Amino acid sequence: MSKRSWLITLRKIRKYTQKQIADKAFIDRSYYAQIENGERKPSEDVAKKIANTLEFHYSAFSMDENPFLFSLHNSPMILAHCDRNQRYTWIYNPHSDFDPAEVIGKTDTEIDDNEGTRALEKLKRDVLESRTTLRRKIRFPLSNGSLSYDVFAQPLENEDGKIIGVATSSMEME
């Protein structure tokens, strides 16, 4: 397994130490450090406790191992999670203009403020407010020209049914 830099970034953004997260998950700090370093995979129970503390969906721990994602690797599809403040907590297969590790903890307009990112933030805000799934076509200015995406966004819930963010899948359109 590789280092979970997204987890480290989220912890630092939320201003927690490894010990504080470990205490909230009822595990040793050294075990938590191994989780961050990708040396250990947390149990589902521990993953849920860490995720609840850092405000992301616990499934992010197993996303990189999902065989379905390998089939998407070179596809024109982007999958992502963001928290209630629309800050990315996980992203898979972003456009080559963006480094996945660099977008964690940022909003779309913090990454690049343009008409497309503002429309994407509005879609996510509308999903959070309506608590329903929405779909829109959004055009983004990128290094290889302006690209349109069919964006599907839905509320992201924790195991208690509380909305903790938005999950999106974006398919490049021709």
N, C-alpha and C. Protein backbone atom coordinates (compact mmCIF):
# COMPACT_ATOMS: atom_id res chain seq x y z
N MET A 1 0.83 -1.18 0.00
CA MET A 1 0.00 0.00 0.00
C MET A 1 0.88 1.25 0.00
N SER A 2 0.37 2.30 -0.55
CA SER A 2 1.12 3.54 -0.58
C SER A 2 0.65 4.48 0.53
N LYS A 3 1.49 5.45 0.79
CA LYS A 3 1.19 6.43 1.83
C LYS A 3 -0.13 7.13 1.53
N ARG A 4 -0.93 7.32 2.56
CA ARG A 4 -2.23 7.99 2.40
C ARG A 4 -2.06 9.49 2.64
N SER A 5 -1.47 10.17 1.65
CA SER A 5 -1.21 11.60 1.79
C SER A 5 -2.51 12.39 1.94
N TRP A 6 -3.60 11.89 1.36
CA TRP A 6 -4.89 12.58 1.50
C TRP A 6 -5.32 12.59 2.96
N LEU A 7 -5.05 11.51 3.69
CA LEU A 7 -5.43 11.41 5.09
C LEU A 7 -4.58 12.36 5.94
N ILE A 8 -3.30 12.42 5.65
CA ILE A 8 -2.41 13.33 6.36
C ILE A 8 -2.85 14.77 6.12
N THR A 9 -3.16 15.10 4.88
CA THR A 9 -3.60 16.46 4.54
C THR A 9 -4.88 16.82 5.28
N LEU A 10 -5.85 15.92 5.28
CA LEU A 10 -7.11 16.19 5.99
C LEU A 10 -6.87 16.41 7.48
N ARG A 11 -6.03 15.57 8.07
CA ARG A 11 -5.74 15.71 9.50
C ARG A 11 -5.12 17.07 9.80
N LYS A 12 -4.16 17.48 8.97
CA LYS A 12 -3.48 18.75 9.20
C LYS A 12 -4.41 19.94 8.96
N ILE A 13 -5.26 19.85 7.95
CA ILE A 13 -6.22 20.94 7.67
C ILE A 13 -7.15 21.12 8.87
N ARG A 14 -7.55 20.01 9.47
CA ARG A 14 -8.48 20.06 10.59
C ARG A 14 -7.75 20.31 11.92
N LYS A 15 -6.41 20.46 11.82
CA LYS A 15 -5.56 20.81 12.97
C LYS A 15 -5.58 19.77 14.10
N TYR A 16 -5.50 18.52 13.70
CA TYR A 16 -5.40 17.43 14.67
C TYR A 16 -4.00 16.84 14.64
N THR A 17 -3.57 16.31 15.77
CA THR A 17 -2.34 15.53 15.82
C THR A 17 -2.71 14.07 15.57
N GLN A 18 -1.70 13.27 15.29
CA GLN A 18 -1.95 11.83 15.15
C GLN A 18 -2.52 11.27 16.44
N LYS A 19 -2.01 11.71 17.58
CA LYS A 19 -2.49 11.22 18.87
C LYS A 19 -3.96 11.56 19.08
N GLN A 20 -4.37 12.76 18.72
CA GLN A 20 -5.78 13.14 18.90
C GLN A 20 -6.71 12.26 18.06
N ILE A 21 -6.31 11.99 16.83
CA ILE A 21 -7.14 11.12 15.98
C ILE A 21 -7.15 9.70 16.56
N ALA A 22 -5.99 9.22 16.95
CA ALA A 22 -5.91 7.88 17.53
C ALA A 22 -6.79 7.77 18.78
N ASP A 23 -6.75 8.78 19.63
CA ASP A 23 -7.59 8.75 20.84
C ASP A 23 -9.07 8.69 20.49
N LYS A 24 -9.49 9.45 19.49
CA LYS A 24 -10.90 9.46 19.09
C LYS A 24 -11.32 8.14 18.45
N ALA A 25 -10.36 7.43 17.86
CA ALA A 25 -10.65 6.13 17.24
C ALA A 25 -10.38 4.98 18.21
N PHE A 26 -9.91 5.29 19.42
CA PHE A 26 -9.61 4.29 20.45
C PHE A 26 -8.54 3.29 19.99
N ILE A 27 -7.48 3.86 19.37
CA ILE A 27 -6.35 3.04 18.93
C ILE A 27 -5.06 3.72 19.38
N ASP A 28 -3.94 3.00 19.30
CA ASP A 28 -2.63 3.58 19.62
C ASP A 28 -2.20 4.54 18.52
N ARG A 29 -1.44 5.56 18.92
CA ARG A 29 -0.93 6.51 17.95
C ARG A 29 -0.06 5.83 16.90
N SER A 30 0.73 4.84 17.32
CA SER A 30 1.60 4.15 16.37
C SER A 30 0.78 3.40 15.30
N TYR A 31 -0.35 2.83 15.70
CA TYR A 31 -1.24 2.15 14.75
C TYR A 31 -1.81 3.18 13.78
N TYR A 32 -2.22 4.35 14.30
CA TYR A 32 -2.73 5.40 13.41
C TYR A 32 -1.65 5.84 12.43
N ALA A 33 -0.41 5.99 12.91
CA ALA A 33 0.70 6.39 12.02
C ALA A 33 0.88 5.35 10.91
N GLN A 34 0.74 4.08 11.25
CA GLN A 34 0.85 3.03 10.23
C GLN A 34 -0.29 3.13 9.21
N ILE A 35 -1.47 3.53 9.65
CA ILE A 35 -2.59 3.73 8.73
C ILE A 35 -2.26 4.87 7.77
N GLU A 36 -1.78 5.98 8.30
CA GLU A 36 -1.41 7.12 7.44
C GLU A 36 -0.31 6.74 6.46
N ASN A 37 0.65 5.96 6.92
CA ASN A 37 1.78 5.58 6.07
C ASN A 37 1.44 4.47 5.08
N GLY A 38 0.21 3.96 5.15
CA GLY A 38 -0.21 2.92 4.23
C GLY A 38 0.30 1.54 4.59
N GLU A 39 0.84 1.40 5.80
CA GLU A 39 1.38 0.11 6.24
C GLU A 39 0.29 -0.80 6.78
N ARG A 40 -0.81 -0.21 7.24
CA ARG A 40 -1.93 -0.98 7.79
C ARG A 40 -3.23 -0.44 7.23
N LYS A 41 -4.18 -1.34 7.06
CA LYS A 41 -5.53 -0.92 6.67
C LYS A 41 -6.39 -1.01 7.92
N PRO A 42 -7.15 0.05 8.23
CA PRO A 42 -7.97 0.01 9.43
C PRO A 42 -9.16 -0.93 9.26
N SER A 43 -9.62 -1.47 10.38
CA SER A 43 -10.86 -2.24 10.35
C SER A 43 -11.98 -1.29 9.98
N GLU A 44 -13.13 -1.81 9.62
CA GLU A 44 -14.25 -0.94 9.26
C GLU A 44 -14.64 -0.04 10.43
N ASP A 45 -14.63 -0.58 11.64
CA ASP A 45 -15.00 0.21 12.82
C ASP A 45 -14.03 1.37 13.03
N VAL A 46 -12.73 1.10 12.94
CA VAL A 46 -11.72 2.14 13.10
C VAL A 46 -11.81 3.15 11.95
N ALA A 47 -12.01 2.66 10.74
CA ALA A 47 -12.15 3.55 9.58
C ALA A 47 -13.31 4.51 9.78
N LYS A 48 -14.43 4.02 10.30
CA LYS A 48 -15.59 4.87 10.53
C LYS A 48 -15.30 5.93 11.59
N LYS A 49 -14.59 5.56 12.65
CA LYS A 49 -14.26 6.53 13.70
C LYS A 49 -13.32 7.62 13.19
N ILE A 50 -12.31 7.22 12.42
CA ILE A 50 -11.39 8.20 11.84
C ILE A 50 -12.15 9.11 10.87
N ALA A 51 -12.96 8.51 10.03
CA ALA A 51 -13.73 9.27 9.03
C ALA A 51 -14.69 10.25 9.69
N ASN A 52 -15.36 9.82 10.73
CA ASN A 52 -16.28 10.73 11.42
C ASN A 52 -15.54 11.90 12.04
N THR A 53 -14.37 11.66 12.57
CA THR A 53 -13.58 12.72 13.19
C THR A 53 -13.09 13.72 12.14
N LEU A 54 -12.63 13.20 10.99
CA LEU A 54 -12.06 14.07 9.96
C LEU A 54 -13.07 14.47 8.89
N GLU A 55 -14.33 14.05 9.06
CA GLU A 55 -15.42 14.47 8.19
C GLU A 55 -15.27 14.02 6.73
N PHE A 56 -15.05 12.72 6.54
CA PHE A 56 -15.07 12.15 5.19
C PHE A 56 -15.75 10.79 5.28
N HIS A 57 -16.04 10.19 4.13
CA HIS A 57 -16.70 8.89 4.13
C HIS A 57 -15.65 7.79 4.28
N TYR A 58 -15.92 6.87 5.17
CA TYR A 58 -14.93 5.83 5.50
C TYR A 58 -14.55 4.95 4.31
N SER A 59 -15.37 4.91 3.28
CA SER A 59 -15.07 4.08 2.11
C SER A 59 -13.78 4.53 1.41
N ALA A 60 -13.32 5.75 1.68
CA ALA A 60 -12.09 6.25 1.05
C ALA A 60 -10.90 5.33 1.36
N PHE A 61 -10.94 4.64 2.49
CA PHE A 61 -9.84 3.74 2.85
C PHE A 61 -9.72 2.56 1.90
N SER A 62 -10.81 2.14 1.30
CA SER A 62 -10.76 0.97 0.42
C SER A 62 -10.90 1.33 -1.05
N MET A 63 -11.06 2.60 -1.36
CA MET A 63 -11.26 2.99 -2.76
C MET A 63 -10.09 2.60 -3.66
N ASP A 64 -8.87 2.80 -3.20
CA ASP A 64 -7.72 2.51 -4.05
C ASP A 64 -7.56 1.02 -4.32
N GLU A 65 -8.20 0.18 -3.53
CA GLU A 65 -8.11 -1.26 -3.73
C GLU A 65 -9.27 -1.80 -4.57
N ASN A 66 -10.22 -0.96 -4.89
CA ASN A 66 -11.41 -1.37 -5.61
C ASN A 66 -11.05 -1.72 -7.06
N PRO A 67 -11.26 -2.97 -7.48
CA PRO A 67 -10.90 -3.35 -8.85
C PRO A 67 -11.68 -2.57 -9.90
N PHE A 68 -12.86 -2.08 -9.55
CA PHE A 68 -13.64 -1.29 -10.48
C PHE A 68 -12.89 -0.01 -10.86
N LEU A 69 -12.17 0.58 -9.92
CA LEU A 69 -11.44 1.81 -10.20
C LEU A 69 -10.32 1.60 -11.21
N PHE A 70 -9.71 0.41 -11.21
CA PHE A 70 -8.65 0.16 -12.18
C PHE A 70 -9.17 0.27 -13.60
N SER A 71 -10.41 -0.12 -13.82
CA SER A 71 -10.99 -0.03 -15.16
C SER A 71 -11.24 1.42 -15.56
N LEU A 72 -11.31 2.32 -14.59
CA LEU A 72 -11.54 3.73 -14.88
C LEU A 72 -10.25 4.53 -15.06
N HIS A 73 -9.11 3.91 -14.78
CA HIS A 73 -7.85 4.65 -14.71
C HIS A 73 -7.61 5.57 -15.90
N ASN A 74 -7.74 5.11 -17.10
CA ASN A 74 -7.50 5.97 -18.26
C ASN A 74 -8.78 6.37 -18.96
N SER A 75 -9.87 6.31 -18.25
CA SER A 75 -11.15 6.70 -18.83
C SER A 75 -11.36 8.20 -18.65
N PRO A 76 -12.36 8.76 -19.33
CA PRO A 76 -12.65 10.19 -19.17
C PRO A 76 -13.60 10.45 -17.99
N MET A 77 -13.50 9.65 -16.93
CA MET A 77 -14.38 9.80 -15.78
C MET A 77 -13.59 10.16 -14.54
N ILE A 78 -14.15 11.10 -13.76
CA ILE A 78 -13.54 11.54 -12.51
C ILE A 78 -14.51 11.23 -11.38
N LEU A 79 -14.02 10.63 -10.31
CA LEU A 79 -14.83 10.35 -9.13
C LEU A 79 -14.26 11.15 -7.97
N ALA A 80 -15.13 11.70 -7.13
CA ALA A 80 -14.63 12.52 -6.02
C ALA A 80 -15.62 12.56 -4.87
N HIS A 81 -15.09 12.84 -3.69
CA HIS A 81 -15.87 13.12 -2.48
C HIS A 81 -15.44 14.48 -1.97
N CYS A 82 -16.39 15.22 -1.41
CA CYS A 82 -16.04 16.45 -0.71
C CYS A 82 -16.87 16.52 0.57
N ASP A 83 -16.41 17.31 1.52
CA ASP A 83 -17.13 17.44 2.78
C ASP A 83 -18.24 18.49 2.65
N ARG A 84 -18.91 18.79 3.75
CA ARG A 84 -20.02 19.75 3.72
C ARG A 84 -19.57 21.16 3.34
N ASN A 85 -18.28 21.45 3.50
CA ASN A 85 -17.74 22.75 3.11
C ASN A 85 -17.20 22.73 1.68
N GLN A 86 -17.49 21.65 0.97
CA GLN A 86 -17.10 21.43 -0.42
C GLN A 86 -15.59 21.33 -0.61
N ARG A 87 -14.89 20.92 0.43
CA ARG A 87 -13.45 20.69 0.33
C ARG A 87 -13.23 19.22 -0.02
N TYR A 88 -12.40 18.97 -1.03
CA TYR A 88 -12.16 17.60 -1.46
C TYR A 88 -11.57 16.76 -0.34
N THR A 89 -12.13 15.58 -0.16
CA THR A 89 -11.59 14.63 0.80
C THR A 89 -11.01 13.41 0.08
N TRP A 90 -11.38 13.23 -1.19
CA TRP A 90 -10.88 12.11 -1.99
C TRP A 90 -11.19 12.41 -3.45
N ILE A 91 -10.26 12.07 -4.34
CA ILE A 91 -10.51 12.23 -5.78
C ILE A 91 -9.77 11.15 -6.54
N TYR A 92 -10.40 10.66 -7.59
CA TYR A 92 -9.80 9.63 -8.43
C TYR A 92 -9.85 10.08 -9.88
N ASN A 93 -8.71 10.01 -10.54
CA ASN A 93 -8.62 10.22 -11.98
C ASN A 93 -8.93 11.66 -12.42
N PRO A 94 -8.42 12.69 -11.71
CA PRO A 94 -8.71 14.06 -12.15
C PRO A 94 -8.04 14.36 -13.49
N HIS A 95 -8.47 15.44 -14.12
CA HIS A 95 -7.84 15.91 -15.36
C HIS A 95 -6.35 16.09 -15.10
N SER A 96 -5.55 15.90 -16.11
CA SER A 96 -4.09 15.96 -15.95
C SER A 96 -3.58 17.34 -15.49
N ASP A 97 -4.42 18.36 -15.55
CA ASP A 97 -4.03 19.68 -15.02
C ASP A 97 -3.91 19.67 -13.50
N PHE A 98 -4.47 18.66 -12.84
CA PHE A 98 -4.57 18.66 -11.39
C PHE A 98 -3.89 17.45 -10.77
N ASP A 99 -3.11 17.69 -9.73
CA ASP A 99 -2.46 16.64 -8.95
C ASP A 99 -3.44 16.25 -7.84
N PRO A 100 -3.85 14.98 -7.79
CA PRO A 100 -4.83 14.58 -6.78
C PRO A 100 -4.41 14.93 -5.35
N ALA A 101 -3.15 14.84 -5.04
CA ALA A 101 -2.69 15.16 -3.69
C ALA A 101 -2.81 16.65 -3.39
N GLU A 102 -2.75 17.49 -4.41
CA GLU A 102 -2.80 18.94 -4.22
C GLU A 102 -4.22 19.47 -4.04
N VAL A 103 -5.24 18.72 -4.46
CA VAL A 103 -6.61 19.23 -4.36
C VAL A 103 -7.29 18.88 -3.04
N ILE A 104 -6.75 17.92 -2.31
CA ILE A 104 -7.35 17.51 -1.04
C ILE A 104 -7.37 18.70 -0.08
N GLY A 105 -8.55 18.94 0.50
CA GLY A 105 -8.71 20.02 1.45
C GLY A 105 -9.05 21.36 0.81
N LYS A 106 -9.15 21.39 -0.52
CA LYS A 106 -9.45 22.64 -1.21
C LYS A 106 -10.82 22.56 -1.87
N THR A 107 -11.43 23.73 -2.07
CA THR A 107 -12.67 23.82 -2.84
C THR A 107 -12.31 23.98 -4.31
N ASP A 108 -13.30 23.84 -5.17
CA ASP A 108 -13.06 23.97 -6.61
C ASP A 108 -12.50 25.35 -6.96
N THR A 109 -13.08 26.40 -6.39
CA THR A 109 -12.61 27.74 -6.73
C THR A 109 -11.27 28.07 -6.10
N GLU A 110 -10.88 27.37 -5.04
CA GLU A 110 -9.53 27.55 -4.49
C GLU A 110 -8.51 26.90 -5.42
N ILE A 111 -8.93 25.86 -6.12
CA ILE A 111 -8.03 25.18 -7.07
C ILE A 111 -7.87 26.03 -8.33
N ASP A 112 -9.01 26.52 -8.85
CA ASP A 112 -9.00 27.36 -10.05
C ASP A 112 -10.35 28.06 -10.14
N ASP A 113 -10.36 29.37 -9.99
CA ASP A 113 -11.61 30.13 -10.00
C ASP A 113 -11.99 30.49 -11.43
N ASN A 114 -13.01 29.81 -11.95
CA ASN A 114 -13.50 30.10 -13.29
C ASN A 114 -14.98 29.74 -13.36
N GLU A 115 -15.61 29.98 -14.48
CA GLU A 115 -17.04 29.74 -14.63
C GLU A 115 -17.41 28.28 -14.34
N GLY A 116 -16.57 27.35 -14.77
CA GLY A 116 -16.83 25.93 -14.56
C GLY A 116 -16.76 25.54 -13.09
N THR A 117 -15.72 26.01 -12.39
CA THR A 117 -15.59 25.64 -10.99
C THR A 117 -16.68 26.28 -10.14
N ARG A 118 -17.10 27.49 -10.52
CA ARG A 118 -18.20 28.13 -9.80
C ARG A 118 -19.50 27.36 -10.02
N ALA A 119 -19.72 26.86 -11.24
CA ALA A 119 -20.92 26.05 -11.54
C ALA A 119 -20.89 24.73 -10.78
N LEU A 120 -19.70 24.13 -10.65
CA LEU A 120 -19.57 22.88 -9.91
C LEU A 120 -19.85 23.11 -8.42
N GLU A 121 -19.34 24.20 -7.86
CA GLU A 121 -19.62 24.51 -6.46
C GLU A 121 -21.12 24.76 -6.24
N LYS A 122 -21.77 25.41 -7.20
CA LYS A 122 -23.21 25.63 -7.08
C LYS A 122 -23.97 24.30 -7.12
N LEU A 123 -23.57 23.40 -7.99
CA LEU A 123 -24.20 22.08 -8.04
C LEU A 123 -24.07 21.38 -6.69
N LYS A 124 -22.89 21.39 -6.11
CA LYS A 124 -22.68 20.73 -4.81
C LYS A 124 -23.50 21.41 -3.71
N ARG A 125 -23.54 22.72 -3.73
CA ARG A 125 -24.35 23.47 -2.75
C ARG A 125 -25.83 23.10 -2.89
N ASP A 126 -26.30 23.01 -4.14
CA ASP A 126 -27.70 22.64 -4.39
C ASP A 126 -28.00 21.23 -3.89
N VAL A 127 -27.06 20.32 -4.05
CA VAL A 127 -27.23 18.95 -3.55
C VAL A 127 -27.33 18.95 -2.03
N LEU A 128 -26.45 19.70 -1.38
CA LEU A 128 -26.47 19.76 0.09
C LEU A 128 -27.77 20.39 0.60
N GLU A 129 -28.23 21.43 -0.07
CA GLU A 129 -29.45 22.10 0.37
C GLU A 129 -30.71 21.28 0.09
N SER A 130 -30.77 20.64 -1.07
CA SER A 130 -31.97 19.88 -1.44
C SER A 130 -31.96 18.45 -0.90
N ARG A 131 -30.76 17.98 -0.53
CA ARG A 131 -30.59 16.62 -0.04
C ARG A 131 -31.00 15.59 -1.10
N THR A 132 -30.84 15.96 -2.36
CA THR A 132 -31.21 15.07 -3.46
C THR A 132 -30.06 14.98 -4.47
N THR A 133 -30.15 13.99 -5.32
CA THR A 133 -29.19 13.79 -6.39
C THR A 133 -29.51 14.74 -7.54
N LEU A 134 -28.47 15.36 -8.10
CA LEU A 134 -28.65 16.28 -9.22
C LEU A 134 -27.62 15.97 -10.29
N ARG A 135 -27.94 16.38 -11.51
CA ARG A 135 -27.06 16.16 -12.65
C ARG A 135 -27.05 17.40 -13.53
N ARG A 136 -25.84 17.83 -13.93
CA ARG A 136 -25.72 19.01 -14.79
C ARG A 136 -24.54 18.84 -15.75
N LYS A 137 -24.63 19.53 -16.85
CA LYS A 137 -23.51 19.61 -17.78
C LYS A 137 -22.76 20.89 -17.46
N ILE A 138 -21.43 20.75 -17.25
CA ILE A 138 -20.61 21.90 -16.87
C ILE A 138 -19.39 21.96 -17.78
N ARG A 139 -19.06 23.16 -18.23
CA ARG A 139 -17.91 23.39 -19.13
C ARG A 139 -16.77 24.03 -18.32
N PHE A 140 -15.56 23.49 -18.49
CA PHE A 140 -14.39 23.97 -17.77
C PHE A 140 -13.29 24.38 -18.75
N PRO A 141 -12.63 25.52 -18.50
CA PRO A 141 -11.45 25.88 -19.30
C PRO A 141 -10.24 25.12 -18.74
N LEU A 142 -9.60 24.33 -19.59
CA LEU A 142 -8.45 23.53 -19.17
C LEU A 142 -7.29 23.74 -20.14
N SER A 143 -6.13 23.20 -19.82
CA SER A 143 -4.93 23.42 -20.62
C SER A 143 -5.08 22.92 -22.06
N ASN A 144 -5.89 21.89 -22.26
CA ASN A 144 -6.08 21.35 -23.61
C ASN A 144 -7.38 21.84 -24.24
N GLY A 145 -7.85 22.98 -23.78
CA GLY A 145 -9.06 23.58 -24.34
C GLY A 145 -10.22 23.48 -23.37
N SER A 146 -11.34 23.97 -23.80
CA SER A 146 -12.54 23.94 -22.96
C SER A 146 -13.20 22.58 -23.08
N LEU A 147 -13.44 21.93 -21.94
CA LEU A 147 -14.06 20.60 -21.94
C LEU A 147 -15.37 20.63 -21.18
N SER A 148 -16.34 19.87 -21.69
CA SER A 148 -17.62 19.74 -21.01
C SER A 148 -17.68 18.40 -20.30
N TYR A 149 -18.28 18.43 -19.13
CA TYR A 149 -18.46 17.21 -18.34
C TYR A 149 -19.93 17.05 -17.97
N ASP A 150 -20.39 15.83 -17.98
CA ASP A 150 -21.70 15.49 -17.46
C ASP A 150 -21.44 15.11 -16.00
N VAL A 151 -21.91 15.95 -15.08
CA VAL A 151 -21.59 15.78 -13.66
C VAL A 151 -22.82 15.30 -12.91
N PHE A 152 -22.68 14.19 -12.23
CA PHE A 152 -23.71 13.58 -11.41
C PHE A 152 -23.27 13.75 -9.96
N ALA A 153 -24.10 14.38 -9.13
CA ALA A 153 -23.72 14.64 -7.73
C ALA A 153 -24.82 14.15 -6.81
N GLN A 154 -24.42 13.52 -5.73
CA GLN A 154 -25.40 13.03 -4.77
C GLN A 154 -24.90 13.26 -3.35
N PRO A 155 -25.84 13.37 -2.41
CA PRO A 155 -25.43 13.54 -1.02
C PRO A 155 -24.62 12.33 -0.57
N LEU A 156 -23.61 12.58 0.22
CA LEU A 156 -22.76 11.54 0.78
C LEU A 156 -23.12 11.42 2.25
N GLU A 157 -23.57 10.24 2.65
CA GLU A 157 -24.03 10.02 4.02
C GLU A 157 -23.09 9.11 4.78
N ASN A 158 -23.03 9.32 6.10
CA ASN A 158 -22.30 8.38 6.94
C ASN A 158 -23.24 7.22 7.31
N GLU A 159 -22.76 6.32 8.14
CA GLU A 159 -23.56 5.13 8.48
C GLU A 159 -24.80 5.46 9.29
N ASP A 160 -24.86 6.66 9.87
CA ASP A 160 -26.05 7.08 10.63
C ASP A 160 -27.06 7.83 9.76
N GLY A 161 -26.77 7.96 8.46
CA GLY A 161 -27.67 8.66 7.56
C GLY A 161 -27.50 10.17 7.57
N LYS A 162 -26.49 10.68 8.26
CA LYS A 162 -26.21 12.12 8.30
C LYS A 162 -25.43 12.50 7.04
N ILE A 163 -25.85 13.58 6.38
CA ILE A 163 -25.13 14.04 5.19
C ILE A 163 -23.82 14.66 5.62
N ILE A 164 -22.73 14.10 5.10
CA ILE A 164 -21.40 14.56 5.46
C ILE A 164 -20.68 15.22 4.28
N GLY A 165 -21.33 15.26 3.13
CA GLY A 165 -20.71 15.87 1.96
C GLY A 165 -21.42 15.50 0.69
N VAL A 166 -20.67 15.54 -0.40
CA VAL A 166 -21.20 15.24 -1.73
C VAL A 166 -20.23 14.32 -2.45
N ALA A 167 -20.79 13.33 -3.14
CA ALA A 167 -20.01 12.45 -4.02
C ALA A 167 -20.34 12.84 -5.45
N THR A 168 -19.32 12.93 -6.30
CA THR A 168 -19.55 13.28 -7.69
C THR A 168 -18.89 12.28 -8.63
N SER A 169 -19.50 12.11 -9.78
CA SER A 169 -18.86 11.40 -10.88
C SER A 169 -19.05 12.31 -12.10
N SER A 170 -17.96 12.55 -12.79
CA SER A 170 -17.96 13.47 -13.92
C SER A 170 -17.42 12.74 -15.14
N MET A 171 -18.20 12.76 -16.22
CA MET A 171 -17.81 12.09 -17.45
C MET A 171 -17.55 13.13 -18.52
N GLU A 172 -16.35 13.07 -19.09
CA GLU A 172 -16.01 14.00 -20.17
C GLU A 172 -16.92 13.75 -21.36
N MET A 173 -17.43 14.84 -21.94
CA MET A 173 -18.32 14.74 -23.10
C MET A 173 -17.56 15.22 -24.33
N GLU A 174 -17.93 14.69 -25.46
CA GLU A 174 -17.30 15.13 -26.72
C GLU A 174 -18.09 16.24 -27.34
